[in-house]
């Protein structure tokens, strides 16, 4: 698992790119999955907000082989430790 170097972003025309380390992506994926699976859900101002979250989660699912690893919980814990601010 690579060390978190902070999120980088760029804009070219109408396309915005956000670059994440694998650790950052795993942490964000887990958050999105929890939000998208909330039984009660969260209140969105518009369905488009929900659509964007679903699409982001689906994108991570197709990129992160780690989510299928039997040791996913350990990988997620390691990723959180790399991303978390130092005390």
Protein backbone atom coordinates (compact mmCIF):
# COMPACT_ATOMS: atom_id res chain seq x y z
CA UNK A 1 0.00 0.00 0.00
CA UNK A 2 1.45 3.34 -1.00
CA UNK A 3 1.75 6.30 1.29
CA UNK A 4 -0.81 9.06 1.04
CA UNK A 5 0.65 12.16 -0.58
CA UNK A 6 -2.48 14.27 -0.50
CA UNK A 7 -5.14 14.73 -3.10
CA UNK A 8 -4.07 16.45 -6.30
CA UNK A 9 -6.45 17.92 -8.82
CA UNK A 10 -6.43 19.55 -12.21
CA UNK A 11 -8.90 21.06 -14.65
CA UNK A 12 -8.75 20.87 -18.44
CA UNK A 13 -11.70 22.50 -20.12
CA UNK A 14 -14.87 21.09 -18.57
CA UNK A 15 -13.14 17.98 -17.12
CA UNK A 16 -11.83 17.93 -13.56
CA UNK A 17 -9.39 15.19 -12.59
CA UNK A 18 -8.69 14.19 -9.00
CA UNK A 19 -5.66 12.05 -8.29
CA UNK A 20 -5.72 9.82 -5.20
CA UNK A 21 -3.30 7.27 -3.84
CA UNK A 22 -4.67 3.74 -3.51
CA UNK A 23 -4.89 4.30 0.24
CA UNK A 24 -6.94 7.47 -0.19
CA UNK A 25 -9.17 5.74 -2.72
CA UNK A 26 -9.83 2.80 -0.35
CA UNK A 27 -10.75 5.15 2.49
CA UNK A 28 -13.06 7.17 0.23
CA UNK A 29 -14.60 4.03 -1.27
CA UNK A 30 -15.45 2.70 2.19
CA UNK A 31 -17.11 6.00 3.14
CA UNK A 32 -19.11 6.10 -0.09
CA UNK A 33 -20.20 2.48 0.32
CA UNK A 34 -21.42 3.19 3.87
CA UNK A 35 -23.31 6.31 2.75
CA UNK A 36 -24.87 4.50 -0.23
CA UNK A 37 -25.90 1.55 1.95
CA UNK A 38 -27.48 3.51 4.79
CA UNK A 39 -30.88 1.99 5.45
CA UNK A 40 -32.40 5.36 6.26
CA UNK A 41 -30.19 7.14 3.77
CA UNK A 42 -29.20 10.77 3.90
CA UNK A 43 -31.27 13.66 2.69
CA UNK A 44 -30.14 14.88 -0.71
CA UNK A 45 -31.20 18.24 -2.08
CA UNK A 46 -31.38 16.70 -5.53
CA UNK A 47 -31.19 13.13 -6.93
CA UNK A 48 -28.16 14.23 -8.98
CA UNK A 49 -26.12 14.30 -5.75
CA UNK A 50 -27.05 10.68 -5.05
CA UNK A 51 -26.23 9.73 -8.67
CA UNK A 52 -22.73 11.23 -8.37
CA UNK A 53 -22.04 9.24 -5.19
CA UNK A 54 -23.28 6.00 -6.82
CA UNK A 55 -21.10 6.65 -9.86
CA UNK A 56 -18.03 7.37 -7.74
CA UNK A 57 -18.54 4.17 -5.76
CA UNK A 58 -18.97 2.17 -8.98
CA UNK A 59 -15.78 3.70 -10.41
CA UNK A 60 -13.81 2.66 -7.34
CA UNK A 61 -15.31 -0.84 -7.50
CA UNK A 62 -13.94 -1.29 -11.01
CA UNK A 63 -10.47 0.04 -10.09
CA UNK A 64 -9.73 -1.28 -6.60
CA UNK A 65 -8.90 -4.98 -6.64
CA UNK A 66 -8.29 -4.65 -2.89
CA UNK A 67 -12.03 -4.63 -2.16
CA UNK A 68 -12.21 -8.28 -3.26
CA UNK A 69 -9.24 -9.34 -1.14
CA UNK A 70 -10.13 -11.67 1.76
CA UNK A 71 -7.94 -9.40 3.93
CA UNK A 72 -9.86 -6.26 2.95
CA UNK A 73 -10.40 -5.19 6.58
CA UNK A 74 -6.64 -5.27 7.20
CA UNK A 75 -5.94 -3.41 3.97
CA UNK A 76 -8.52 -0.76 4.87
CA UNK A 77 -7.03 -0.36 8.35
CA UNK A 78 -3.56 0.06 6.84
CA UNK A 79 -4.91 2.59 4.33
CA UNK A 80 -6.61 4.60 7.08
CA UNK A 81 -3.36 4.64 9.05
CA UNK A 82 -1.49 6.01 6.04
CA UNK A 83 -4.07 8.71 5.32
CA UNK A 84 -4.88 9.75 8.88
CA UNK A 85 -3.31 12.94 10.24
CA UNK A 86 -0.48 12.39 12.68
CA UNK A 87 -1.25 13.28 16.28
